[in-house]
């Protein structure tokens, strides 16, 4: 059933990704009402924030039914892995409301590293060699580490809030950490099972695909910057910035991605009977021109969404309609040739201990760039306060990586809050 026009939407999430979605949805002529649960200080400019717990599916359903919502768009992975799509489909009174996102079984492509690696192996998707390790075969895991060259990659099998991956140079330390992850449950139940992976060397790139489970459309690709320090040094973060398009992802490279990775992935989803209507984020390594998959995510990335959506010039609600009604093949997707750069402003101390509640000023002075809120909230007096480690993502479009990044850096100079930090080298490696 086609989405009605105007379309009432409930968007789940509260980060920079959801702010970018809200911004893009608000531009659609097909939009009726937009609600964001729970949202942040930025999403409030594009719709109505709703103070409900997105993990309380019964509460979400009650809101959907009482506010005549036509589609639920899920931003984060957590609700997908917990089965929000299945919950709606199994509800007699709510199954008519489509949920944009995969089923619980399909969400294992992100929710379980061992599931996704076995899926890649079965369908011939190029990835690093690996071994699945539990308490029963720790010694086998230690022997497998001995067959690999350093550095050594250990991944908690389940969701660990982006912190369940260790990259270690010393084999003795890797063996010790493997034991600690499994026996001491360093990452809780997420590391009751650990995947040891061969380290892939190259340049990372993120490819985004919209799929209705049968056909697909490739969205703009992006490169994000994970480490806190300039020159890709220091601790891993949720992402300090992103660039789109990626200069090395030329026609030859992207044709290899489609043929070797995207098409076998969609074929596998169909063959396994997985209910998948949503986005696939494919984390790739460009190994000398050959794309290898690091991981799947079952939703859009953050901060990559903040450069991907601004480059899409076609109607986002029309795209949603094609995804949930399995008519994606007939939908138009148009992409701007411009470059997009987003620079993330974080709290002082992030990704370690950091303070919240810092007053943010100057956003209203930014022109020529878009400020997407990530970790923000409104204060009692209407002021904007920091409310997370990653606070803002400032996105600009221009005719080159250098010009787009320069525009974002210029915009950031208008913004201020205590402890604000950002990387000043986003995009520099691509020049």
Protein backbone atom coordinates (compact mmCIF):
# COMPACT_ATOMS: atom_id res chain seq x y z
CA UNK A 1 0.00 0.00 0.00
CA UNK A 2 1.50 3.33 -1.07
CA UNK A 3 2.22 5.83 1.65
CA UNK A 4 -0.55 8.43 1.81
CA UNK A 5 0.18 12.04 0.94
CA UNK A 6 0.75 13.93 3.15
CA UNK A 7 2.71 11.32 5.13
CA UNK A 8 2.94 11.36 8.94
CA UNK A 9 6.32 10.03 10.11
CA UNK A 10 7.75 8.88 13.44
CA UNK A 11 11.57 9.00 13.35
CA UNK A 12 13.33 6.97 16.07
CA UNK A 13 16.62 8.25 17.50
CA UNK A 14 18.40 11.24 19.02
CA UNK A 15 21.76 11.67 17.28
CA UNK A 16 23.35 13.52 14.40
CA UNK A 17 22.11 10.89 11.96
CA UNK A 18 18.50 11.47 13.06
CA UNK A 19 18.93 15.25 12.89
CA UNK A 20 20.09 14.88 9.27
CA UNK A 21 17.10 12.62 8.52
CA UNK A 22 14.71 15.13 10.13
CA UNK A 23 16.27 17.96 8.09
CA UNK A 24 15.89 15.98 4.86
CA UNK A 25 12.36 14.73 5.62
CA UNK A 26 11.21 18.28 6.43
CA UNK A 27 12.13 19.33 2.86
CA UNK A 28 9.66 16.89 1.31
CA UNK A 29 6.41 18.18 -0.18
CA UNK A 30 4.91 14.81 0.80
CA UNK A 31 5.38 15.37 4.56
CA UNK A 32 2.40 15.73 6.86
CA UNK A 33 3.63 15.70 10.46
CA UNK A 34 7.09 14.66 11.66
CA UNK A 35 7.67 13.38 15.19
CA UNK A 36 11.09 12.39 16.57
CA UNK A 37 11.47 10.04 19.55
CA UNK A 38 13.24 11.27 21.59
CA UNK A 39 15.10 13.70 19.29
CA UNK A 40 17.44 16.51 20.38
CA UNK A 41 17.60 20.31 20.38
CA UNK A 42 18.25 20.32 16.61
CA UNK A 43 15.52 17.93 15.51
CA UNK A 44 12.98 20.19 17.24
CA UNK A 45 13.47 22.68 14.38
CA UNK A 46 12.14 20.17 11.83
CA UNK A 47 9.38 18.36 13.74
CA UNK A 48 8.02 17.62 17.20
CA UNK A 49 10.21 15.83 19.73
CA UNK A 50 8.40 13.12 21.69
CA UNK A 51 9.59 12.12 25.16
CA UNK A 52 9.14 8.35 24.87
CA UNK A 53 11.61 5.50 25.25
CA UNK A 54 12.20 4.01 21.77
CA UNK A 55 12.95 0.62 23.39
CA UNK A 56 9.44 0.53 24.89
CA UNK A 57 7.78 -0.86 21.77
CA UNK A 58 4.30 -0.87 23.34
CA UNK A 59 4.63 2.84 24.07
CA UNK A 60 5.91 3.50 20.56
CA UNK A 61 2.95 1.59 19.09
CA UNK A 62 0.47 3.53 21.25
CA UNK A 63 1.96 6.81 19.99
CA UNK A 64 1.86 5.60 16.37
CA UNK A 65 -1.82 4.63 16.57
CA UNK A 66 -3.01 7.71 18.46
CA UNK A 67 -1.15 10.12 16.16
CA UNK A 68 -2.08 8.42 12.84
CA UNK A 69 1.54 7.71 11.90
CA UNK A 70 1.97 6.27 8.38
CA UNK A 71 5.58 5.04 8.65
CA UNK A 72 8.15 4.49 11.42
CA UNK A 73 11.73 5.29 10.35
CA UNK A 74 14.32 3.71 12.68
CA UNK A 75 17.68 5.48 12.89
CA UNK A 76 19.80 3.45 15.37
CA UNK A 77 20.66 -0.25 15.30
CA UNK A 78 19.50 -1.02 18.85
CA UNK A 79 15.76 -1.08 18.19
CA UNK A 80 16.27 -3.06 14.97
CA UNK A 81 18.38 -5.72 16.69
CA UNK A 82 15.72 -5.90 19.45
CA UNK A 83 13.02 -6.54 16.83
CA UNK A 84 10.87 -3.41 16.49
CA UNK A 85 9.86 -4.42 12.96
CA UNK A 86 8.76 -7.87 14.16
CA UNK A 87 6.81 -6.28 17.04
CA UNK A 88 4.73 -4.17 14.64
CA UNK A 89 4.19 -7.02 12.18
CA UNK A 90 2.93 -9.27 14.99
CA UNK A 91 0.47 -6.62 16.29
CA UNK A 92 -3.03 -7.02 14.85
CA UNK A 93 -3.77 -3.32 15.32
CA UNK A 94 -0.44 -1.96 14.02
CA UNK A 95 0.85 -4.30 11.32
CA UNK A 96 -0.54 -1.91 8.70
CA UNK A 97 2.08 0.69 9.74
CA UNK A 98 5.36 -0.05 7.93
CA UNK A 99 8.63 0.06 9.87
CA UNK A 100 11.60 1.10 7.74
CA UNK A 101 14.34 -1.24 8.88
CA UNK A 102 15.14 -4.97 8.80
CA UNK A 103 13.60 -7.70 10.95
CA UNK A 104 15.32 -9.02 14.07
CA UNK A 105 16.69 -11.99 12.12
CA UNK A 106 18.05 -9.76 9.33
CA UNK A 107 19.49 -7.29 11.86
CA UNK A 108 21.89 -10.03 12.97
CA UNK A 109 24.03 -8.86 10.05
CA UNK A 110 25.06 -6.12 12.50
CA UNK A 111 23.96 -7.60 15.82
CA UNK A 112 26.19 -10.68 15.52
CA UNK A 113 29.69 -10.50 14.04
CA UNK A 114 29.83 -14.30 13.72
CA UNK A 115 26.47 -14.38 11.87
CA UNK A 116 27.61 -11.71 9.41
CA UNK A 117 31.00 -13.39 8.79
CA UNK A 118 29.31 -16.75 8.15
CA UNK A 119 26.86 -14.98 5.78
CA UNK A 120 29.74 -13.38 3.85
CA UNK A 121 31.57 -16.70 3.63
CA UNK A 122 28.45 -18.52 2.40
CA UNK A 123 27.68 -15.98 -0.34
CA UNK A 124 31.25 -15.31 -1.47
CA UNK A 125 31.51 -11.74 -0.19
CA UNK A 126 35.24 -10.89 0.12
CA UNK A 127 36.25 -10.37 3.76
CA UNK A 128 39.12 -11.05 6.14
CA UNK A 129 39.69 -14.64 7.31
CA UNK A 130 38.37 -15.22 10.80
CA UNK A 131 37.66 -17.61 13.67
CA UNK A 132 34.68 -17.62 16.04
CA UNK A 133 35.81 -18.18 19.64
CA UNK A 134 33.85 -19.02 22.81
CA UNK A 135 34.83 -20.33 26.24
CA UNK A 136 34.94 -23.82 24.69
CA UNK A 137 37.70 -23.11 22.14
CA UNK A 138 39.88 -20.34 23.62
CA UNK A 139 43.05 -22.42 23.05
CA UNK A 140 42.13 -22.85 19.39
CA UNK A 141 41.67 -19.07 19.25
CA UNK A 142 45.15 -18.50 20.66
CA UNK A 143 46.61 -20.91 18.08
CA UNK A 144 44.73 -19.07 15.29
CA UNK A 145 46.26 -15.76 16.44
CA UNK A 146 49.67 -17.40 15.90
CA UNK A 147 48.84 -17.94 12.20
CA UNK A 148 48.14 -14.22 11.65
CA UNK A 149 50.46 -11.27 11.15
CA UNK A 150 50.15 -8.33 13.58
CA UNK A 151 48.17 -6.27 14.34
CA UNK A 152 45.51 -8.63 15.71
CA UNK A 153 41.77 -7.80 15.53
CA UNK A 154 39.37 -8.98 18.26
CA UNK A 155 35.66 -8.20 17.91
CA UNK A 156 32.93 -8.78 20.49
CA UNK A 157 30.22 -10.75 18.69
CA UNK A 158 27.29 -8.64 19.91
CA UNK A 159 26.53 -4.92 20.10
CA UNK A 160 28.94 -3.10 22.43
CA UNK A 161 28.03 0.56 21.75
CA UNK A 162 30.81 0.82 19.16
CA UNK A 163 33.50 -0.15 21.68
CA UNK A 164 33.77 -3.91 21.17
CA UNK A 165 36.70 -3.93 18.71
CA UNK A 166 40.33 -4.21 19.82
CA UNK A 167 43.32 -3.82 17.47
CA UNK A 168 46.48 -5.07 19.20
CA UNK A 169 50.13 -5.17 18.07
CA UNK A 170 51.47 -7.77 20.54
CA UNK A 171 50.44 -11.43 20.20
CA UNK A 172 50.85 -12.00 23.95
CA UNK A 173 48.58 -9.05 24.69
CA UNK A 174 46.08 -10.29 22.06
CA UNK A 175 45.92 -13.71 23.74
CA UNK A 176 45.44 -12.08 27.14
CA UNK A 177 42.71 -9.74 25.85
CA UNK A 178 40.93 -12.67 24.15
CA UNK A 179 40.79 -14.47 27.50
CA UNK A 180 39.63 -11.31 29.29
CA UNK A 181 36.87 -10.57 26.75
CA UNK A 182 35.39 -14.06 27.04
CA UNK A 183 35.99 -15.18 30.63
CA UNK A 184 35.72 -11.77 32.37
CA UNK A 185 33.01 -10.56 29.94
CA UNK A 186 34.81 -7.29 29.37
CA UNK A 187 31.99 -6.15 27.06
CA UNK A 188 29.24 -8.00 28.92
CA UNK A 189 27.25 -10.65 27.06
CA UNK A 190 28.39 -9.06 23.78
CA UNK A 191 31.82 -10.69 24.23
CA UNK A 192 30.67 -14.14 25.38
CA UNK A 193 31.64 -14.92 21.79
CA UNK A 194 34.58 -13.20 20.05
CA UNK A 195 35.52 -13.07 16.38
CA UNK A 196 39.27 -13.00 15.67
CA UNK A 197 39.97 -11.42 12.29
CA UNK A 198 42.91 -11.05 9.98
CA UNK A 199 43.89 -7.34 9.85
CA UNK A 200 43.12 -5.69 6.51
CA UNK A 201 45.45 -2.93 5.37
CA UNK A 202 44.22 -0.15 3.09
CA UNK A 203 41.90 2.88 3.05
CA UNK A 204 38.43 2.61 4.56
CA UNK A 205 35.27 3.62 2.76
CA UNK A 206 31.57 3.31 3.62
CA UNK A 207 29.05 2.32 0.95
CA UNK A 208 25.33 2.80 1.62
CA UNK A 209 22.56 0.85 -0.05
CA UNK A 210 18.79 1.23 0.13
CA UNK A 211 16.99 -2.07 -0.44
CA UNK A 212 13.45 -3.43 -0.43
CA UNK A 213 14.85 -6.95 -0.11
CA UNK A 214 14.64 -7.56 -3.86
CA UNK A 215 16.23 -4.58 -5.62
CA UNK A 216 18.61 -1.91 -4.41
CA UNK A 217 19.88 1.60 -5.03
CA UNK A 218 23.39 2.76 -4.16
CA UNK A 219 23.43 5.98 -2.16
CA UNK A 220 26.47 8.31 -2.04
CA UNK A 221 29.55 6.67 -0.52
CA UNK A 222 31.52 8.34 2.29
CA UNK A 223 34.76 8.16 4.27
CA UNK A 224 34.65 8.79 7.99
CA UNK A 225 37.39 9.62 10.48
CA UNK A 226 37.27 7.47 13.59
CA UNK A 227 40.24 8.51 15.73
CA UNK A 228 40.16 11.46 18.09
CA UNK A 229 43.52 12.93 17.08
CA UNK A 230 44.66 14.61 13.88
CA UNK A 231 46.59 12.36 11.52
CA UNK A 232 44.33 9.48 12.65
CA UNK A 233 45.98 9.15 16.06
CA UNK A 234 44.61 8.42 19.51
CA UNK A 235 41.52 6.57 20.65
CA UNK A 236 38.67 5.43 18.43
CA UNK A 237 35.46 7.47 18.58
CA UNK A 238 32.01 7.23 17.04
CA UNK A 239 33.33 9.40 14.21
CA UNK A 240 34.99 12.84 14.03
CA UNK A 241 33.92 13.78 10.52
CA UNK A 242 33.14 12.48 7.04
CA UNK A 243 33.61 13.28 3.35
CA UNK A 244 31.46 12.36 0.32
CA UNK A 245 32.13 11.47 -2.48
CA UNK A 246 35.36 9.54 -1.90
CA UNK A 247 37.89 10.34 -4.68
CA UNK A 248 39.31 6.79 -4.92
CA UNK A 249 35.81 5.27 -5.19
CA UNK A 250 35.76 5.79 -8.95
CA UNK A 251 33.58 3.99 -11.49
CA UNK A 252 35.92 0.97 -11.71
CA UNK A 253 36.08 0.56 -7.91
CA UNK A 254 32.30 1.01 -7.44
CA UNK A 255 31.58 -1.50 -10.22
CA UNK A 256 33.70 -4.02 -8.28
CA UNK A 257 31.76 -3.14 -5.10
CA UNK A 258 28.43 -3.75 -6.87
CA UNK A 259 29.50 -6.99 -8.56
CA UNK A 260 31.51 -8.56 -5.73
CA UNK A 261 29.73 -7.23 -2.64
CA UNK A 262 26.33 -5.57 -3.07
CA UNK A 263 24.80 -8.08 -5.48
CA UNK A 264 25.93 -11.20 -3.53
CA UNK A 265 24.65 -9.53 -0.33
CA UNK A 266 21.18 -8.88 -1.78
CA UNK A 267 21.18 -12.39 -3.28
CA UNK A 268 22.03 -13.82 0.17
CA UNK A 269 19.29 -11.80 1.87
CA UNK A 270 16.75 -13.23 -0.60
CA UNK A 271 18.13 -16.80 -0.39
CA UNK A 272 18.02 -16.75 3.43
CA UNK A 273 14.44 -15.42 3.38
CA UNK A 274 15.46 -12.41 5.48
CA UNK A 275 12.86 -9.65 5.80
CA UNK A 276 14.95 -6.64 4.85
CA UNK A 277 13.43 -3.26 3.99
CA UNK A 278 15.85 -0.48 4.84
CA UNK A 279 19.46 0.59 4.59
CA UNK A 280 22.66 -1.47 4.49
CA UNK A 281 25.89 0.23 5.53
CA UNK A 282 28.85 -1.70 4.11
CA UNK A 283 32.14 -0.85 5.79
CA UNK A 284 34.86 -1.53 3.20
CA UNK A 285 38.61 -1.58 3.00
CA UNK A 286 40.15 -0.63 -0.34
CA UNK A 287 43.01 -3.14 -0.50
CA UNK A 288 44.96 -2.07 -3.57
CA UNK A 289 41.82 -1.47 -5.63
CA UNK A 290 40.04 -4.57 -4.33
CA UNK A 291 37.11 -3.91 -1.96
CA UNK A 292 36.94 -6.15 1.14
CA UNK A 293 34.11 -6.01 3.68
CA UNK A 294 35.01 -5.12 7.27
CA UNK A 295 31.43 -5.18 8.54
CA UNK A 296 27.76 -4.70 7.76
CA UNK A 297 25.56 -2.25 9.65
CA UNK A 298 21.79 -2.48 9.25
CA UNK A 299 21.16 1.27 9.25
CA UNK A 300 22.79 4.47 8.06
CA UNK A 301 26.09 5.54 9.63
CA UNK A 302 26.87 8.51 11.82
CA UNK A 303 28.48 10.94 10.92
CA UNK A 304 28.31 9.65 7.32
CA UNK A 305 24.56 10.33 7.07
CA UNK A 306 25.40 14.01 7.57
CA UNK A 307 27.25 14.02 4.22
CA UNK A 308 25.18 11.39 2.37
CA UNK A 309 21.70 12.92 2.76
CA UNK A 310 22.74 16.48 1.79
CA UNK A 311 23.94 15.09 -1.57
CA UNK A 312 20.60 13.39 -2.32
CA UNK A 313 18.46 15.82 -4.32
CA UNK A 314 15.41 13.59 -4.86
CA UNK A 315 12.50 13.22 -2.43
CA UNK A 316 13.37 11.11 0.63
CA UNK A 317 9.77 10.14 1.45
CA UNK A 318 9.36 8.80 -2.10
CA UNK A 319 12.47 6.67 -1.45
CA UNK A 320 10.96 5.42 1.85
CA UNK A 321 7.77 4.50 -0.04
CA UNK A 322 9.77 2.43 -2.54
CA UNK A 323 11.63 0.62 0.24
CA UNK A 324 8.64 -0.39 2.38
CA UNK A 325 6.34 -1.19 -0.55
CA UNK A 326 8.98 -3.12 -2.52
CA UNK A 327 8.75 -0.75 -5.50
CA UNK A 328 12.26 0.68 -5.07
CA UNK A 329 13.29 -0.27 -8.61
CA UNK A 330 10.82 2.28 -10.04
CA UNK A 331 11.90 5.16 -7.77
CA UNK A 332 14.15 8.02 -8.82
CA UNK A 333 17.35 8.68 -6.88
CA UNK A 334 19.28 11.78 -7.91
CA UNK A 335 22.61 12.77 -6.39
CA UNK A 336 24.44 16.11 -6.43
CA UNK A 337 27.95 16.06 -7.92
CA UNK A 338 29.09 18.45 -5.14
CA UNK A 339 31.40 17.40 -2.33
CA UNK A 340 30.10 17.33 1.23
CA UNK A 341 32.26 17.62 4.35
CA UNK A 342 31.07 17.27 7.92
CA UNK A 343 33.24 18.14 10.92
CA UNK A 344 32.16 16.84 14.33
CA UNK A 345 32.52 19.02 17.42
CA UNK A 346 32.89 16.94 20.58
CA UNK A 347 32.90 17.49 24.33
CA UNK A 348 36.20 18.07 26.13
CA UNK A 349 37.60 14.72 27.29
CA UNK A 350 35.69 12.64 24.73
CA UNK A 351 35.93 9.66 24.07
CA UNK A 352 36.92 9.31 27.74
CA UNK A 353 35.06 11.00 30.58
CA UNK A 354 33.38 14.23 29.53
CA UNK A 355 30.94 16.72 30.99
CA UNK A 356 27.45 17.52 29.76
CA UNK A 357 25.31 20.62 30.21
CA UNK A 358 27.67 23.15 28.59
CA UNK A 359 25.86 26.15 27.05
CA UNK A 360 26.30 26.29 23.25
CA UNK A 361 26.25 29.69 21.55
CA UNK A 362 26.65 31.02 18.02
CA UNK A 363 24.84 28.35 15.99
CA UNK A 364 22.42 31.03 14.76
CA UNK A 365 25.39 32.94 13.24
CA UNK A 366 26.32 30.09 10.88
CA UNK A 367 25.50 30.77 7.22
CA UNK A 368 26.29 28.65 4.16
CA UNK A 369 26.62 25.45 6.22
CA UNK A 370 24.18 23.19 8.07
CA UNK A 371 24.61 22.43 11.76
CA UNK A 372 23.28 18.99 12.67
CA UNK A 373 22.79 18.46 16.40
CA UNK A 374 24.08 15.16 17.84
CA UNK A 375 24.35 15.34 21.64
CA UNK A 376 22.26 18.39 22.55
CA UNK A 377 19.13 19.27 24.54
CA UNK A 378 17.11 22.37 25.34
CA UNK A 379 17.69 23.91 28.79
CA UNK A 380 15.01 25.28 31.12
CA UNK A 381 15.43 28.77 29.64
CA UNK A 382 15.41 27.57 26.04
CA UNK A 383 19.19 27.62 25.73
CA UNK A 384 20.98 24.80 23.87
CA UNK A 385 23.10 22.54 26.11
CA UNK A 386 25.61 19.80 25.31
CA UNK A 387 24.22 16.35 26.12
CA UNK A 388 26.67 13.82 24.70
CA UNK A 389 30.24 13.13 23.62
CA UNK A 390 29.66 14.11 20.02
CA UNK A 391 27.79 17.40 20.23
CA UNK A 392 27.41 18.89 16.73
CA UNK A 393 28.22 17.99 13.11
CA UNK A 394 28.78 20.93 10.76
CA UNK A 395 28.20 20.07 7.09
CA UNK A 396 29.06 22.09 3.99
CA UNK A 397 28.78 21.50 0.25
CA UNK A 398 31.19 22.82 -2.38
CA UNK A 399 32.99 21.95 -5.60
CA UNK A 400 35.93 20.16 -3.94
CA UNK A 401 36.87 18.33 -0.74
CA UNK A 402 39.15 21.23 0.23
CA UNK A 403 36.50 23.93 -0.31
CA UNK A 404 33.74 21.99 1.48
CA UNK A 405 35.96 21.28 4.50
CA UNK A 406 37.17 24.90 4.61
CA UNK A 407 33.58 26.09 4.68
CA UNK A 408 32.78 23.81 7.64
CA UNK A 409 35.89 24.95 9.55
CA UNK A 410 34.88 28.59 8.94
CA UNK A 411 31.35 27.90 10.23
CA UNK A 412 32.68 26.23 13.40
CA UNK A 413 34.49 29.44 14.32
CA UNK A 414 31.04 30.97 14.96
CA UNK A 415 30.17 28.29 17.54
CA UNK A 416 31.33 28.11 21.10
CA UNK A 417 30.94 25.96 24.22
CA UNK A 418 33.30 25.11 27.04
CA UNK A 419 35.73 22.31 26.12
CA UNK A 420 34.79 22.21 22.42
CA UNK A 421 37.21 20.15 20.31
CA UNK A 422 37.26 19.16 16.64
CA UNK A 423 39.78 17.74 14.20
CA UNK A 424 41.22 20.31 11.81
CA UNK A 425 42.40 17.76 9.23
CA UNK A 426 39.10 16.23 8.03
CA UNK A 427 39.49 15.52 4.31
CA UNK A 428 43.19 16.49 4.25
CA UNK A 429 44.31 12.93 3.42
CA UNK A 430 42.12 12.97 0.28
CA UNK A 431 43.62 16.12 -1.23
